Amino acid sequence: MRRNLSVRRSSHFMSAYIGLDVHKEWTFATVLDQNGRVVDQRKLLNEHVPSFVGNFKVEKIGLEASTM
């Protein structure tokens, strides 16, 4: 069986910068590579954020959250 080696899968081995826009029940995550290109972008339930972030070699994480 042939494996799917997509850009998303191979990006996990490079340094990543992650931005998280946190809401009450979900978070919108954007992952950038060292050159500022979007590697992955998705809306996640909050409980899935730690496992998603764990897939990358994270250099920095930026967080946006508010009480509105």
PDB file of N, CA and C in Angstrom:
ATOM      1  N   MET A   1       0.834  -1.175   0.000  1.00  0.00           N
ATOM      2  CA  MET A   1       0.000   0.000   0.000  1.00  0.00           C
ATOM      3  C   MET A   1       0.885   1.247   0.000  1.00  0.00           C
ATOM      4  N   ARG A   2       0.573   2.193  -0.853  1.00  0.00           N
ATOM      5  CA  ARG A   2       1.351   3.423  -0.976  1.00  0.00           C
ATOM      6  C   ARG A   2       0.902   4.449   0.054  1.00  0.00           C
ATOM      7  N   ARG A   3       1.854   5.100   0.714  1.00  0.00           N
ATOM      8  CA  ARG A   3       1.533   6.120   1.709  1.00  0.00           C
ATOM      9  C   ARG A   3       1.322   7.473   1.049  1.00  0.00           C
ATOM     10  N   ASN A   4       0.410   8.253   1.601  1.00  0.00           N
ATOM     11  CA  ASN A   4       0.172   9.604   1.132  1.00  0.00           C
ATOM     12  C   ASN A   4       1.130  10.539   1.868  1.00  0.00           C
ATOM     13  N   LEU A   5       2.123  11.058   1.163  1.00  0.00           N
ATOM     14  CA  LEU A   5       3.111  11.953   1.776  1.00  0.00           C
ATOM     15  C   LEU A   5       2.775  13.389   1.381  1.00  0.00           C
ATOM     16  N   SER A   6       1.714  13.918   1.943  1.00  0.00           N
ATOM     17  CA  SER A   6       1.265  15.267   1.600  1.00  0.00           C
ATOM     18  C   SER A   6       2.162  16.313   2.242  1.00  0.00           C
ATOM     19  N   VAL A   7       2.013  17.557   1.800  1.00  0.00           N
ATOM     20  CA  VAL A   7       2.765  18.669   2.374  1.00  0.00           C
ATOM     21  C   VAL A   7       2.463  18.777   3.854  1.00  0.00           C
ATOM     22  N   ARG A   8       1.216  18.599   4.232  1.00  0.00           N
ATOM     23  CA  ARG A   8       0.825  18.708   5.632  1.00  0.00           C
ATOM     24  C   ARG A   8       1.588  17.707   6.488  1.00  0.00           C
ATOM     25  N   ARG A   9       1.720  16.473   6.029  1.00  0.00           N
ATOM     26  CA  ARG A   9       2.417  15.450   6.802  1.00  0.00           C
ATOM     27  C   ARG A   9       3.902  15.775   6.922  1.00  0.00           C
ATOM     28  N   SER A  10       4.549  16.151   5.818  1.00  0.00           N
ATOM     29  CA  SER A  10       5.989  16.402   5.849  1.00  0.00           C
ATOM     30  C   SER A  10       6.340  17.669   6.633  1.00  0.00           C
ATOM     31  N   SER A  11       5.393  18.586   6.766  1.00  0.00           N
ATOM     32  CA  SER A  11       5.660  19.832   7.474  1.00  0.00           C
ATOM     33  C   SER A  11       5.903  19.626   8.959  1.00  0.00           C
ATOM     34  N   HIS A  12       5.525  18.502   9.489  1.00  0.00           N
ATOM     35  CA  HIS A  12       5.673  18.251  10.921  1.00  0.00           C
ATOM     36  C   HIS A  12       7.137  18.162  11.338  1.00  0.00           C
ATOM     37  N   PHE A  13       8.043  18.011  10.388  1.00  0.00           N
ATOM     38  CA  PHE A  13       9.450  17.872  10.715  1.00  0.00           C
ATOM     39  C   PHE A  13      10.192  19.204  10.683  1.00  0.00           C
ATOM     40  N   MET A  14       9.527  20.271  10.240  1.00  0.00           N
ATOM     41  CA  MET A  14      10.169  21.574  10.192  1.00  0.00           C
ATOM     42  C   MET A  14       9.693  22.434  11.356  1.00  0.00           C
ATOM     43  N   SER A  15      10.438  23.474  11.648  1.00  0.00           N
ATOM     44  CA  SER A  15      10.027  24.403  12.698  1.00  0.00           C
ATOM     45  C   SER A  15       8.738  25.098  12.294  1.00  0.00           C
ATOM     46  N   ALA A  16       7.852  25.297  13.263  1.00  0.00           N
ATOM     47  CA  ALA A  16       6.551  25.889  12.973  1.00  0.00           C
ATOM     48  C   ALA A  16       6.246  27.007  13.966  1.00  0.00           C
ATOM     49  N   TYR A  17       5.476  27.967  13.486  1.00  0.00           N
ATOM     50  CA  TYR A  17       4.963  29.063  14.292  1.00  0.00           C
ATOM     51  C   TYR A  17       3.449  28.945  14.245  1.00  0.00           C
ATOM     52  N   ILE A  18       2.803  28.919  15.404  1.00  0.00           N
ATOM     53  CA  ILE A  18       1.377  28.647  15.465  1.00  0.00           C
ATOM     54  C   ILE A  18       0.636  29.822  16.092  1.00  0.00           C
ATOM     55  N   GLY A  19      -0.443  30.224  15.444  1.00  0.00           N
ATOM     56  CA  GLY A  19      -1.337  31.242  15.968  1.00  0.00           C
ATOM     57  C   GLY A  19      -2.646  30.588  16.359  1.00  0.00           C
ATOM     58  N   LEU A  20      -3.127  30.882  17.562  1.00  0.00           N
ATOM     59  CA  LEU A  20      -4.373  30.306  18.055  1.00  0.00           C
ATOM     60  C   LEU A  20      -5.356  31.419  18.402  1.00  0.00           C
ATOM     61  N   ASP A  21      -6.531  31.367  17.805  1.00  0.00           N
ATOM     62  CA  ASP A  21      -7.629  32.287  18.117  1.00  0.00           C
ATOM     63  C   ASP A  21      -8.633  31.474  18.930  1.00  0.00           C
ATOM     64  N   VAL A  22      -8.627  31.679  20.234  1.00  0.00           N
ATOM     65  CA  VAL A  22      -9.369  30.829  21.165  1.00  0.00           C
ATOM     66  C   VAL A  22     -10.769  31.382  21.430  1.00  0.00           C
ATOM     67  N   HIS A  23     -11.756  30.513  21.338  1.00  0.00           N
ATOM     68  CA  HIS A  23     -13.143  30.853  21.633  1.00  0.00           C
ATOM     69  C   HIS A  23     -13.655  29.908  22.723  1.00  0.00           C
ATOM     70  N   LYS A  24     -14.882  30.070  23.126  1.00  0.00           N
ATOM     71  CA  LYS A  24     -15.424  29.297  24.240  1.00  0.00           C
ATOM     72  C   LYS A  24     -15.351  27.785  24.010  1.00  0.00           C
ATOM     73  N   GLU A  25     -15.740  27.312  22.835  1.00  0.00           N
ATOM     74  CA  GLU A  25     -15.789  25.871  22.578  1.00  0.00           C
ATOM     75  C   GLU A  25     -14.822  25.398  21.504  1.00  0.00           C
ATOM     76  N   TRP A  26     -14.267  26.327  20.720  1.00  0.00           N
ATOM     77  CA  TRP A  26     -13.380  25.937  19.631  1.00  0.00           C
ATOM     78  C   TRP A  26     -12.243  26.935  19.498  1.00  0.00           C
ATOM     79  N   THR A  27     -11.225  26.515  18.742  1.00  0.00           N
ATOM     80  CA  THR A  27     -10.049  27.347  18.465  1.00  0.00           C
ATOM     81  C   THR A  27      -9.745  27.275  16.984  1.00  0.00           C
ATOM     82  N   PHE A  28      -9.415  28.432  16.384  1.00  0.00           N
ATOM     83  CA  PHE A  28      -8.975  28.471  15.004  1.00  0.00           C
ATOM     84  C   PHE A  28      -7.458  28.526  15.028  1.00  0.00           C
ATOM     85  N   ALA A  29      -6.800  27.539  14.420  1.00  0.00           N
ATOM     86  CA  ALA A  29      -5.338  27.442  14.457  1.00  0.00           C
ATOM     87  C   ALA A  29      -4.750  27.648  13.068  1.00  0.00           C
ATOM     88  N   THR A  30      -3.656  28.409  13.016  1.00  0.00           N
ATOM     89  CA  THR A  30      -2.901  28.594  11.789  1.00  0.00           C
ATOM     90  C   THR A  30      -1.445  28.253  12.065  1.00  0.00           C
ATOM     91  N   VAL A  31      -0.866  27.432  11.203  1.00  0.00           N
ATOM     92  CA  VAL A  31       0.530  27.022  11.339  1.00  0.00           C
ATOM     93  C   VAL A  31       1.316  27.621  10.178  1.00  0.00           C
ATOM     94  N   LEU A  32       2.412  28.311  10.511  1.00  0.00           N
ATOM     95  CA  LEU A  32       3.304  28.901   9.510  1.00  0.00           C
ATOM     96  C   LEU A  32       4.657  28.215   9.553  1.00  0.00           C
ATOM     97  N   ASP A  33       5.314  28.109   8.391  1.00  0.00           N
ATOM     98  CA  ASP A  33       6.679  27.588   8.369  1.00  0.00           C
ATOM     99  C   ASP A  33       7.664  28.729   8.624  1.00  0.00           C
ATOM    100  N   GLN A  34       8.964  28.449   8.531  1.00  0.00           N
ATOM    101  CA  GLN A  34      10.003  29.438   8.822  1.00  0.00           C
ATOM    102  C   GLN A  34       9.960  30.621   7.864  1.00  0.00           C
ATOM    103  N   ASN A  35       9.347  30.438   6.694  1.00  0.00           N
ATOM    104  CA  ASN A  35       9.271  31.493   5.681  1.00  0.00           C
ATOM    105  C   ASN A  35       7.946  32.253   5.716  1.00  0.00           C
ATOM    106  N   GLY A  36       7.100  31.955   6.697  1.00  0.00           N
ATOM    107  CA  GLY A  36       5.827  32.639   6.833  1.00  0.00           C
ATOM    108  C   GLY A  36       4.714  32.094   5.958  1.00  0.00           C
ATOM    109  N   ARG A  37       4.931  30.957   5.326  1.00  0.00           N
ATOM    110  CA  ARG A  37       3.896  30.330   4.499  1.00  0.00           C
ATOM    111  C   ARG A  37       2.955  29.505   5.363  1.00  0.00           C
ATOM    112  N   VAL A  38       1.666  29.542   5.052  1.00  0.00           N
ATOM    113  CA  VAL A  38       0.675  28.763   5.782  1.00  0.00           C
ATOM    114  C   VAL A  38       0.861  27.284   5.450  1.00  0.00           C
ATOM    115  N   VAL A  39       1.083  26.486   6.488  1.00  0.00           N
ATOM    116  CA  VAL A  39       1.266  25.048   6.343  1.00  0.00           C
ATOM    117  C   VAL A  39      -0.050  24.324   6.603  1.00  0.00           C
ATOM    118  N   ASP A  40      -0.802  24.805   7.578  1.00  0.00           N
ATOM    119  CA  ASP A  40      -2.074  24.182   7.951  1.00  0.00           C
ATOM    120  C   ASP A  40      -2.940  25.252   8.602  1.00  0.00           C
ATOM    121  N   GLN A  41      -4.233  25.096   8.436  1.00  0.00           N
ATOM    122  CA  GLN A  41      -5.167  26.040   9.032  1.00  0.00           C
ATOM    123  C   GLN A  41      -6.473  25.287   9.254  1.00  0.00           C
ATOM    124  N   ARG A  42      -6.970  25.318  10.496  1.00  0.00           N
ATOM    125  CA  ARG A  42      -8.209  24.589  10.774  1.00  0.00           C
ATOM    126  C   ARG A  42      -8.898  25.067  12.039  1.00  0.00           C
ATOM    127  N   LYS A  43     -10.172  24.739  12.114  1.00  0.00           N
ATOM    128  CA  LYS A  43     -10.989  25.022  13.293  1.00  0.00           C
ATOM    129  C   LYS A  43     -11.068  23.722  14.090  1.00  0.00           C
ATOM    130  N   LEU A  44     -10.723  23.793  15.382  1.00  0.00           N
ATOM    131  CA  LEU A  44     -10.659  22.611  16.237  1.00  0.00           C
ATOM    132  C   LEU A  44     -11.513  22.794  17.484  1.00  0.00           C
ATOM    133  N   LEU A  45     -12.081  21.722  17.966  1.00  0.00           N
ATOM    134  CA  LEU A  45     -12.651  21.758  19.307  1.00  0.00           C
ATOM    135  C   LEU A  45     -11.503  21.991  20.281  1.00  0.00           C
ATOM    136  N   ASN A  46     -11.736  22.739  21.337  1.00  0.00           N
ATOM    137  CA  ASN A  46     -10.654  23.093  22.260  1.00  0.00           C
ATOM    138  C   ASN A  46      -9.906  21.886  22.811  1.00  0.00           C
ATOM    139  N   GLU A  47     -10.597  20.790  23.049  1.00  0.00           N
ATOM    140  CA  GLU A  47      -9.907  19.620  23.607  1.00  0.00           C
ATOM    141  C   GLU A  47      -8.959  18.953  22.603  1.00  0.00           C
ATOM    142  N   HIS A  48      -9.033  19.303  21.315  1.00  0.00           N
ATOM    143  CA  HIS A  48      -8.149  18.712  20.300  1.00  0.00           C
ATOM    144  C   HIS A  48      -6.905  19.562  20.022  1.00  0.00           C
ATOM    145  N   VAL A  49      -6.846  20.759  20.590  1.00  0.00           N
ATOM    146  CA  VAL A  49      -5.719  21.655  20.327  1.00  0.00           C
ATOM    147  C   VAL A  49      -4.381  21.061  20.790  1.00  0.00           C
ATOM    148  N   PRO A  50      -4.260  20.517  21.997  1.00  0.00           N
ATOM    149  CA  PRO A  50      -2.944  19.985  22.420  1.00  0.00           C
ATOM    150  C   PRO A  50      -2.393  18.898  21.493  1.00  0.00           C
ATOM    151  N   SER A  51      -3.236  17.996  21.030  1.00  0.00           N
ATOM    152  CA  SER A  51      -2.733  16.938  20.143  1.00  0.00           C
ATOM    153  C   SER A  51      -2.374  17.495  18.768  1.00  0.00           C
ATOM    154  N   PHE A  52      -3.122  18.500  18.292  1.00  0.00           N
ATOM    155  CA  PHE A  52      -2.798  19.133  17.008  1.00  0.00           C
ATOM    156  C   PHE A  52      -1.449  19.833  17.088  1.00  0.00           C
ATOM    157  N   VAL A  53      -1.240  20.636  18.118  1.00  0.00           N
ATOM    158  CA  VAL A  53       0.016  21.369  18.294  1.00  0.00           C
ATOM    159  C   VAL A  53       1.179  20.397  18.463  1.00  0.00           C
ATOM    160  N   GLY A  54       0.940  19.270  19.104  1.00  0.00           N
ATOM    161  CA  GLY A  54       1.982  18.265  19.321  1.00  0.00           C
ATOM    162  C   GLY A  54       2.500  17.621  18.050  1.00  0.00           C
ATOM    163  N   ASN A  55       1.825  17.828  16.931  1.00  0.00           N
ATOM    164  CA  ASN A  55       2.266  17.273  15.650  1.00  0.00           C
ATOM    165  C   ASN A  55       3.376  18.078  14.999  1.00  0.00           C
ATOM    166  N   PHE A  56       3.730  19.219  15.576  1.00  0.00           N
ATOM    167  CA  PHE A  56       4.690  20.123  14.958  1.00  0.00           C
ATOM    168  C   PHE A  56       5.860  20.389  15.894  1.00  0.00           C
ATOM    169  N   LYS A  57       6.990  20.743  15.306  1.00  0.00           N
ATOM    170  CA  LYS A  57       8.157  21.200  16.074  1.00  0.00           C
ATOM    171  C   LYS A  57       7.955  22.700  16.275  1.00  0.00           C
ATOM    172  N   VAL A  58       7.337  23.081  17.376  1.00  0.00           N
ATOM    173  CA  VAL A  58       6.881  24.448  17.598  1.00  0.00           C
ATOM    174  C   VAL A  58       8.019  25.335  18.090  1.00  0.00           C
ATOM    175  N   GLU A  59       8.219  26.461  17.389  1.00  0.00           N
ATOM    176  CA  GLU A  59       9.183  27.475  17.813  1.00  0.00           C
ATOM    177  C   GLU A  59       8.499  28.494  18.723  1.00  0.00           C
ATOM    178  N   LYS A  60       7.329  28.976  18.304  1.00  0.00           N
ATOM    179  CA  LYS A  60       6.565  29.962  19.081  1.00  0.00           C
ATOM    180  C   LYS A  60       5.082  29.768  18.835  1.00  0.00           C
ATOM    181  N   ILE A  61       4.289  30.139  19.845  1.00  0.00           N
ATOM    182  CA  ILE A  61       2.831  30.132  19.720  1.00  0.00           C
ATOM    183  C   ILE A  61       2.313  31.506  20.108  1.00  0.00           C
ATOM    184  N   GLY A  62       1.447  32.066  19.265  1.00  0.00           N
ATOM    185  CA  GLY A  62       0.759  33.317  19.572  1.00  0.00           C
ATOM    186  C   GLY A  62      -0.684  32.988  19.900  1.00  0.00           C
ATOM    187  N   LEU A  63      -1.247  33.701  20.864  1.00  0.00           N
ATOM    188  CA  LEU A  63      -2.587  33.380  21.365  1.00  0.00           C
ATOM    189  C   LEU A  63      -3.435  34.627  21.403  1.00  0.00           C
ATOM    190  N   GLU A  64      -4.662  34.513  20.893  1.00  0.00           N
ATOM    191  CA  GLU A  64      -5.625  35.603  20.995  1.00  0.00           C
ATOM    192  C   GLU A  64      -6.862  35.054  21.710  1.00  0.00           C
ATOM    193  N   ALA A  65      -7.273  35.735  22.751  1.00  0.00           N
ATOM    194  CA  ALA A  65      -8.469  35.332  23.490  1.00  0.00           C
ATOM    195  C   ALA A  65      -9.106  36.576  24.097  1.00  0.00           C
ATOM    196  N   SER A  66     -10.415  36.555  24.200  1.00  0.00           N
ATOM    197  CA  SER A  66     -11.111  37.675  24.819  1.00  0.00           C
ATOM    198  C   SER A  66     -12.336  37.151  25.583  1.00  0.00           C
ATOM    199  N   THR A  67     -12.969  38.020  26.330  1.00  0.00           N
ATOM    200  CA  THR A  67     -14.126  37.615  27.117  1.00  0.00           C
ATOM    201  C   THR A  67     -15.436  38.093  26.492  1.00  0.00           C
ATOM    202  N   MET A  68     -15.402  38.604  25.294  1.00  0.00           N
ATOM    203  CA  MET A  68     -16.595  39.140  24.662  1.00  0.00           C
ATOM    204  C   MET A  68     -17.520  38.060  24.187  1.00  0.00           C
TER     205      MET A  68
END
